């Protein structure tokens, strides 16, 4: 994860691509809106394909650690 950093002084501590102010969240939003890797790299030429992949790996690692709890709510 050397491409992703968290610095409280940059974007309020959101995970970003090292050396940029581009957040993992923003990269995921671009991908989910239908932008291809190529489109993103054209719009942000200082990014590399490895940066986009690192954002995906980072997000995946967070989801893998996510814990789901079943809660049963009874009517009173």
PDB file of N, CA and C in Angstrom:
ATOM      1  N   UNK A   1       0.813  -1.197   0.000  1.00  0.00           N
ATOM      2  CA  UNK A   1       0.000   0.000   0.000  1.00  0.00           C
ATOM      3  C   UNK A   1       0.857   1.261   0.000  1.00  0.00           C
ATOM      4  N   UNK A   2       2.025   1.220  -0.563  1.00  0.00           N
ATOM      5  CA  UNK A   2       2.881   2.407  -0.566  1.00  0.00           C
ATOM      6  C   UNK A   2       2.316   3.522  -1.438  1.00  0.00           C
ATOM      7  N   UNK A   3       1.336   3.237  -2.289  1.00  0.00           N
ATOM      8  CA  UNK A   3       0.748   4.274  -3.149  1.00  0.00           C
ATOM      9  C   UNK A   3      -0.380   5.031  -2.447  1.00  0.00           C
ATOM     10  N   UNK A   4      -0.929   4.485  -1.387  1.00  0.00           N
ATOM     11  CA  UNK A   4      -2.033   5.102  -0.654  1.00  0.00           C
ATOM     12  C   UNK A   4      -1.499   5.612   0.684  1.00  0.00           C
ATOM     13  N   UNK A   5      -1.799   6.869   0.978  1.00  0.00           N
ATOM     14  CA  UNK A   5      -1.396   7.422   2.270  1.00  0.00           C
ATOM     15  C   UNK A   5      -2.586   8.096   2.937  1.00  0.00           C
ATOM     16  N   UNK A   6      -2.478   8.233   4.245  1.00  0.00           N
ATOM     17  CA  UNK A   6      -3.459   8.979   5.026  1.00  0.00           C
ATOM     18  C   UNK A   6      -2.688  10.029   5.799  1.00  0.00           C
ATOM     19  N   UNK A   7      -3.032  11.281   5.536  1.00  0.00           N
ATOM     20  CA  UNK A   7      -2.370  12.415   6.187  1.00  0.00           C
ATOM     21  C   UNK A   7      -3.464  13.376   6.636  1.00  0.00           C
ATOM     22  N   UNK A   8      -3.570  13.583   7.930  1.00  0.00           N
ATOM     23  CA  UNK A   8      -4.626  14.443   8.478  1.00  0.00           C
ATOM     24  C   UNK A   8      -4.604  15.849   7.879  1.00  0.00           C
ATOM     25  N   UNK A   9      -3.479  16.270   7.336  1.00  0.00           N
ATOM     26  CA  UNK A   9      -3.355  17.611   6.767  1.00  0.00           C
ATOM     27  C   UNK A   9      -3.849  17.693   5.319  1.00  0.00           C
ATOM     28  N   UNK A  10      -4.131  16.542   4.716  1.00  0.00           N
ATOM     29  CA  UNK A  10      -4.581  16.507   3.322  1.00  0.00           C
ATOM     30  C   UNK A  10      -5.969  15.874   3.266  1.00  0.00           C
ATOM     31  N   UNK A  11      -6.923  16.598   2.733  1.00  0.00           N
ATOM     32  CA  UNK A  11      -8.308  16.136   2.585  1.00  0.00           C
ATOM     33  C   UNK A  11      -8.882  15.543   3.867  1.00  0.00           C
ATOM     34  N   UNK A  12      -8.559  16.180   4.992  1.00  0.00           N
ATOM     35  CA  UNK A  12      -9.095  15.773   6.305  1.00  0.00           C
ATOM     36  C   UNK A  12      -8.788  14.316   6.647  1.00  0.00           C
ATOM     37  N   UNK A  13      -7.689  13.812   6.125  1.00  0.00           N
ATOM     38  CA  UNK A  13      -7.266  12.458   6.474  1.00  0.00           C
ATOM     39  C   UNK A  13      -7.858  11.350   5.631  1.00  0.00           C
ATOM     40  N   UNK A  14      -8.536  11.714   4.532  1.00  0.00           N
ATOM     41  CA  UNK A  14      -9.040  10.650   3.659  1.00  0.00           C
ATOM     42  C   UNK A  14      -7.864   9.965   2.980  1.00  0.00           C
ATOM     43  N   UNK A  15      -7.987   8.669   2.684  1.00  0.00           N
ATOM     44  CA  UNK A  15      -6.923   7.981   1.951  1.00  0.00           C
ATOM     45  C   UNK A  15      -6.772   8.586   0.559  1.00  0.00           C
ATOM     46  N   UNK A  16      -5.539   8.917   0.191  1.00  0.00           N
ATOM     47  CA  UNK A  16      -5.253   9.537  -1.100  1.00  0.00           C
ATOM     48  C   UNK A  16      -4.117   8.805  -1.800  1.00  0.00           C
ATOM     49  N   UNK A  17      -3.974   9.086  -3.083  1.00  0.00           N
ATOM     50  CA  UNK A  17      -2.830   8.591  -3.833  1.00  0.00           C
ATOM     51  C   UNK A  17      -1.636   9.453  -3.442  1.00  0.00           C
ATOM     52  N   UNK A  18      -0.573   8.817  -3.034  1.00  0.00           N
ATOM     53  CA  UNK A  18       0.631   9.524  -2.582  1.00  0.00           C
ATOM     54  C   UNK A  18       1.100  10.523  -3.642  1.00  0.00           C
ATOM     55  N   UNK A  19       1.402  11.740  -3.177  1.00  0.00           N
ATOM     56  CA  UNK A  19       1.905  12.772  -4.070  1.00  0.00           C
ATOM     57  C   UNK A  19       0.812  13.547  -4.791  1.00  0.00           C
ATOM     58  N   UNK A  20      -0.456  13.251  -4.457  1.00  0.00           N
ATOM     59  CA  UNK A  20      -1.584  13.941  -5.083  1.00  0.00           C
ATOM     60  C   UNK A  20      -2.572  14.354  -3.999  1.00  0.00           C
ATOM     61  N   UNK A  21      -3.621  15.009  -4.427  1.00  0.00           N
ATOM     62  CA  UNK A  21      -4.763  15.277  -3.558  1.00  0.00           C
ATOM     63  C   UNK A  21      -5.985  14.514  -4.087  1.00  0.00           C
ATOM     64  N   UNK A  22      -5.719  13.418  -4.772  1.00  0.00           N
ATOM     65  CA  UNK A  22      -6.789  12.596  -5.338  1.00  0.00           C
ATOM     66  C   UNK A  22      -7.085  11.454  -4.369  1.00  0.00           C
ATOM     67  N   UNK A  23      -8.329  11.423  -3.894  1.00  0.00           N
ATOM     68  CA  UNK A  23      -8.693  10.418  -2.897  1.00  0.00           C
ATOM     69  C   UNK A  23      -9.078   9.088  -3.545  1.00  0.00           C
ATOM     70  N   UNK A  24      -8.947   8.046  -2.747  1.00  0.00           N
ATOM     71  CA  UNK A  24      -9.407   6.715  -3.157  1.00  0.00           C
ATOM     72  C   UNK A  24     -10.895   6.797  -3.489  1.00  0.00           C
ATOM     73  N   UNK A  25     -11.626   7.507  -2.659  1.00  0.00           N
ATOM     74  CA  UNK A  25     -13.063   7.677  -2.871  1.00  0.00           C
ATOM     75  C   UNK A  25     -13.355   8.281  -4.250  1.00  0.00           C
ATOM     76  N   UNK A  26     -12.619   9.299  -4.640  1.00  0.00           N
ATOM     77  CA  UNK A  26     -12.828   9.954  -5.929  1.00  0.00           C
ATOM     78  C   UNK A  26     -12.547   8.993  -7.082  1.00  0.00           C
ATOM     79  N   UNK A  27     -11.491   8.215  -6.953  1.00  0.00           N
ATOM     80  CA  UNK A  27     -11.176   7.230  -8.005  1.00  0.00           C
ATOM     81  C   UNK A  27     -12.303   6.205  -8.126  1.00  0.00           C
ATOM     82  N   UNK A  28     -12.816   5.735  -6.994  1.00  0.00           N
ATOM     83  CA  UNK A  28     -13.914   4.777  -7.025  1.00  0.00           C
ATOM     84  C   UNK A  28     -15.164   5.406  -7.641  1.00  0.00           C
ATOM     85  N   UNK A  29     -15.423   6.671  -7.339  1.00  0.00           N
ATOM     86  CA  UNK A  29     -16.567   7.358  -7.935  1.00  0.00           C
ATOM     87  C   UNK A  29     -16.425   7.450  -9.453  1.00  0.00           C
ATOM     88  N   UNK A  30     -15.216   7.769  -9.910  1.00  0.00           N
ATOM     89  CA  UNK A  30     -15.009   7.846 -11.355  1.00  0.00           C
ATOM     90  C   UNK A  30     -15.247   6.495 -12.015  1.00  0.00           C
ATOM     91  N   UNK A  31     -14.711   5.440 -11.415  1.00  0.00           N
ATOM     92  CA  UNK A  31     -14.901   4.101 -11.979  1.00  0.00           C
ATOM     93  C   UNK A  31     -16.376   3.715 -11.962  1.00  0.00           C
ATOM     94  N   UNK A  32     -17.068   3.997 -10.860  1.00  0.00           N
ATOM     95  CA  UNK A  32     -18.476   3.605 -10.761  1.00  0.00           C
ATOM     96  C   UNK A  32     -19.368   4.417 -11.698  1.00  0.00           C
ATOM     97  N   UNK A  33     -18.898   5.587 -12.122  1.00  0.00           N
ATOM     98  CA  UNK A  33     -19.680   6.387 -13.068  1.00  0.00           C
ATOM     99  C   UNK A  33     -19.488   5.899 -14.505  1.00  0.00           C
ATOM    100  N   UNK A  34     -18.606   4.915 -14.683  1.00  0.00           N
ATOM    101  CA  UNK A  34     -18.401   4.346 -16.006  1.00  0.00           C
ATOM    102  C   UNK A  34     -17.108   4.758 -16.684  1.00  0.00           C
ATOM    103  N   UNK A  35     -16.311   5.590 -16.008  1.00  0.00           N
ATOM    104  CA  UNK A  35     -15.036   5.984 -16.614  1.00  0.00           C
ATOM    105  C   UNK A  35     -14.105   4.781 -16.655  1.00  0.00           C
ATOM    106  N   UNK A  36     -13.411   4.639 -17.738  1.00  0.00           N
ATOM    107  CA  UNK A  36     -12.431   3.563 -17.871  1.00  0.00           C
ATOM    108  C   UNK A  36     -11.101   4.015 -17.271  1.00  0.00           C
ATOM    109  N   UNK A  37     -10.212   3.077 -17.072  1.00  0.00           N
ATOM    110  CA  UNK A  37      -8.861   3.416 -16.621  1.00  0.00           C
ATOM    111  C   UNK A  37      -8.264   4.448 -17.572  1.00  0.00           C
ATOM    112  N   UNK A  38      -8.454   4.208 -18.863  1.00  0.00           N
ATOM    113  CA  UNK A  38      -7.869   5.092 -19.872  1.00  0.00           C
ATOM    114  C   UNK A  38      -8.420   6.512 -19.751  1.00  0.00           C
ATOM    115  N   UNK A  39      -9.745   6.630 -19.528  1.00  0.00           N
ATOM    116  CA  UNK A  39     -10.355   7.952 -19.360  1.00  0.00           C
ATOM    117  C   UNK A  39      -9.786   8.678 -18.150  1.00  0.00           C
ATOM    118  N   UNK A  40      -9.646   7.954 -17.055  1.00  0.00           N
ATOM    119  CA  UNK A  40      -9.122   8.556 -15.828  1.00  0.00           C
ATOM    120  C   UNK A  40      -7.684   9.019 -16.045  1.00  0.00           C
ATOM    121  N   UNK A  41      -6.894   8.185 -16.686  1.00  0.00           N
ATOM    122  CA  UNK A  41      -5.490   8.532 -16.925  1.00  0.00           C
ATOM    123  C   UNK A  41      -5.357   9.707 -17.893  1.00  0.00           C
ATOM    124  N   UNK A  42      -6.297   9.850 -18.810  1.00  0.00           N
ATOM    125  CA  UNK A  42      -6.294  11.014 -19.702  1.00  0.00           C
ATOM    126  C   UNK A  42      -6.623  12.293 -18.937  1.00  0.00           C
ATOM    127  N   UNK A  43      -7.618  12.204 -18.041  1.00  0.00           N
ATOM    128  CA  UNK A  43      -8.044  13.371 -17.260  1.00  0.00           C
ATOM    129  C   UNK A  43      -7.017  13.751 -16.191  1.00  0.00           C
ATOM    130  N   UNK A  44      -6.341  12.763 -15.669  1.00  0.00           N
ATOM    131  CA  UNK A  44      -5.362  12.972 -14.591  1.00  0.00           C
ATOM    132  C   UNK A  44      -4.044  12.310 -14.991  1.00  0.00           C
ATOM    133  N   UNK A  45      -3.293  12.943 -15.889  1.00  0.00           N
ATOM    134  CA  UNK A  45      -2.088  12.309 -16.443  1.00  0.00           C
ATOM    135  C   UNK A  45      -0.984  12.033 -15.418  1.00  0.00           C
ATOM    136  N   UNK A  46      -1.064  12.662 -14.247  1.00  0.00           N
ATOM    137  CA  UNK A  46      -0.054  12.390 -13.221  1.00  0.00           C
ATOM    138  C   UNK A  46      -0.349  11.081 -12.476  1.00  0.00           C
ATOM    139  N   UNK A  47      -1.541  10.498 -12.711  1.00  0.00           N
ATOM    140  CA  UNK A  47      -1.837   9.190 -12.133  1.00  0.00           C
ATOM    141  C   UNK A  47      -1.278   8.092 -13.024  1.00  0.00           C
ATOM    142  N   UNK A  48      -1.075   6.957 -12.422  1.00  0.00           N
ATOM    143  CA  UNK A  48      -0.624   5.773 -13.147  1.00  0.00           C
ATOM    144  C   UNK A  48      -1.670   4.672 -12.968  1.00  0.00           C
ATOM    145  N   UNK A  49      -1.659   3.714 -13.864  1.00  0.00           N
ATOM    146  CA  UNK A  49      -2.586   2.585 -13.755  1.00  0.00           C
ATOM    147  C   UNK A  49      -2.449   1.917 -12.387  1.00  0.00           C
ATOM    148  N   UNK A  50      -1.230   1.835 -11.889  1.00  0.00           N
ATOM    149  CA  UNK A  50      -0.981   1.210 -10.582  1.00  0.00           C
ATOM    150  C   UNK A  50      -1.670   1.971  -9.453  1.00  0.00           C
ATOM    151  N   UNK A  51      -1.849   3.281  -9.618  1.00  0.00           N
ATOM    152  CA  UNK A  51      -2.550   4.073  -8.604  1.00  0.00           C
ATOM    153  C   UNK A  51      -4.024   3.689  -8.546  1.00  0.00           C
ATOM    154  N   UNK A  52      -4.630   3.516  -9.702  1.00  0.00           N
ATOM    155  CA  UNK A  52      -6.038   3.115  -9.757  1.00  0.00           C
ATOM    156  C   UNK A  52      -6.210   1.720  -9.169  1.00  0.00           C
ATOM    157  N   UNK A  53      -5.312   0.823  -9.530  1.00  0.00           N
ATOM    158  CA  UNK A  53      -5.363  -0.535  -8.977  1.00  0.00           C
ATOM    159  C   UNK A  53      -5.167  -0.514  -7.464  1.00  0.00           C
ATOM    160  N   UNK A  54      -4.267   0.333  -6.980  1.00  0.00           N
ATOM    161  CA  UNK A  54      -4.033   0.439  -5.540  1.00  0.00           C
ATOM    162  C   UNK A  54      -5.289   0.927  -4.819  1.00  0.00           C
ATOM    163  N   UNK A  55      -6.031   1.850  -5.437  1.00  0.00           N
ATOM    164  CA  UNK A  55      -7.286   2.326  -4.850  1.00  0.00           C
ATOM    165  C   UNK A  55      -8.291   1.180  -4.735  1.00  0.00           C
ATOM    166  N   UNK A  56      -8.355   0.338  -5.761  1.00  0.00           N
ATOM    167  CA  UNK A  56      -9.261  -0.816  -5.722  1.00  0.00           C
ATOM    168  C   UNK A  56      -8.836  -1.822  -4.662  1.00  0.00           C
ATOM    169  N   UNK A  57      -7.550  -2.074  -4.563  1.00  0.00           N
ATOM    170  CA  UNK A  57      -7.037  -3.004  -3.551  1.00  0.00           C
ATOM    171  C   UNK A  57      -7.324  -2.465  -2.154  1.00  0.00           C
ATOM    172  N   UNK A  58      -7.112  -1.168  -1.963  1.00  0.00           N
ATOM    173  CA  UNK A  58      -7.367  -0.546  -0.663  1.00  0.00           C
ATOM    174  C   UNK A  58      -8.840  -0.703  -0.277  1.00  0.00           C
ATOM    175  N   UNK A  59      -9.749  -0.373  -1.187  1.00  0.00           N
ATOM    176  CA  UNK A  59     -11.178  -0.487  -0.906  1.00  0.00           C
ATOM    177  C   UNK A  59     -11.571  -1.936  -0.626  1.00  0.00           C
ATOM    178  N   UNK A  60     -11.026  -2.850  -1.391  1.00  0.00           N
ATOM    179  CA  UNK A  60     -11.309  -4.270  -1.184  1.00  0.00           C
ATOM    180  C   UNK A  60     -10.839  -4.730   0.184  1.00  0.00           C
ATOM    181  N   UNK A  61      -9.671  -4.269   0.600  1.00  0.00           N
ATOM    182  CA  UNK A  61      -9.146  -4.682   1.904  1.00  0.00           C
ATOM    183  C   UNK A  61     -10.034  -4.176   3.038  1.00  0.00           C
ATOM    184  N   UNK A  62     -10.621  -2.993   2.881  1.00  0.00           N
ATOM    185  CA  UNK A  62     -11.542  -2.481   3.907  1.00  0.00           C
ATOM    186  C   UNK A  62     -12.811  -3.330   3.969  1.00  0.00           C
ATOM    187  N   UNK A  63     -13.325  -3.694   2.805  1.00  0.00           N
ATOM    188  CA  UNK A  63     -14.542  -4.507   2.779  1.00  0.00           C
ATOM    189  C   UNK A  63     -14.300  -5.907   3.339  1.00  0.00           C
ATOM    190  N   UNK A  64     -13.121  -6.434   3.133  1.00  0.00           N
ATOM    191  CA  UNK A  64     -12.812  -7.762   3.677  1.00  0.00           C
ATOM    192  C   UNK A  64     -12.810  -7.755   5.196  1.00  0.00           C
ATOM    193  N   UNK A  65     -12.455  -6.616   5.784  1.00  0.00           N
ATOM    194  CA  UNK A  65     -12.414  -6.515   7.252  1.00  0.00           C
ATOM    195  C   UNK A  65     -13.758  -6.112   7.852  1.00  0.00           C
ATOM    196  N   UNK A  66     -14.703  -5.747   6.993  1.00  0.00           N
ATOM    197  CA  UNK A  66     -16.009  -5.312   7.475  1.00  0.00           C
ATOM    198  C   UNK A  66     -16.709  -6.455   8.190  1.00  0.00           C
ATOM    199  N   UNK A  67     -17.312  -6.144   9.314  1.00  0.00           N
ATOM    200  CA  UNK A  67     -18.041  -7.148  10.072  1.00  0.00           C
ATOM    201  C   UNK A  67     -19.528  -6.843   9.998  1.00  0.00           C
ATOM    202  N   UNK A  68     -20.316  -7.875   9.750  1.00  0.00           N
ATOM    203  CA  UNK A  68     -21.760  -7.749   9.639  1.00  0.00           C
ATOM    204  C   UNK A  68     -22.376  -8.409  10.868  1.00  0.00           C
ATOM    205  N   UNK A  69     -23.273  -7.691  11.504  1.00  0.00           N
ATOM    206  CA  UNK A  69     -23.962  -8.214  12.676  1.00  0.00           C
ATOM    207  C   UNK A  69     -25.446  -8.303  12.377  1.00  0.00           C
ATOM    208  N   UNK A  70     -26.019  -9.445  12.677  1.00  0.00           N
ATOM    209  CA  UNK A  70     -27.452  -9.631  12.510  1.00  0.00           C
ATOM    210  C   UNK A  70     -28.136  -9.120  13.764  1.00  0.00           C
ATOM    211  N   UNK A  71     -29.136  -8.287  13.570  1.00  0.00           N
ATOM    212  CA  UNK A  71     -29.862  -7.731  14.696  1.00  0.00           C
ATOM    213  C   UNK A  71     -31.328  -8.078  14.531  1.00  0.00           C
ATOM    214  N   UNK A  72     -31.880  -8.683  15.555  1.00  0.00           N
ATOM    215  CA  UNK A  72     -33.291  -9.032  15.518  1.00  0.00           C
ATOM    216  C   UNK A  72     -34.031  -7.998  16.357  1.00  0.00           C
ATOM    217  N   UNK A  73     -35.019  -7.375  15.741  1.00  0.00           N
ATOM    218  CA  UNK A  73     -35.817  -6.365  16.435  1.00  0.00           C
ATOM    219  C   UNK A  73     -37.182  -6.963  16.718  1.00  0.00           C
ATOM    220  N   UNK A  74     -37.518  -6.968  17.983  1.00  0.00           N
ATOM    221  CA  UNK A  74     -38.832  -7.509  18.375  1.00  0.00           C
ATOM    222  C   UNK A  74     -39.789  -6.358  18.613  1.00  0.00           C
ATOM    223  N   UNK A  75     -41.027  -6.561  18.180  1.00  0.00           N
ATOM    224  CA  UNK A  75     -42.066  -5.571  18.430  1.00  0.00           C
ATOM    225  C   UNK A  75     -42.492  -5.643  19.880  1.00  0.00           C
ATOM    226  N   UNK A  76     -42.751  -4.483  20.421  1.00  0.00           N
ATOM    227  CA  UNK A  76     -43.194  -4.429  21.833  1.00  0.00           C
ATOM    228  C   UNK A  76     -44.693  -4.205  21.867  1.00  0.00           C
TER     229      UNK A  76
END
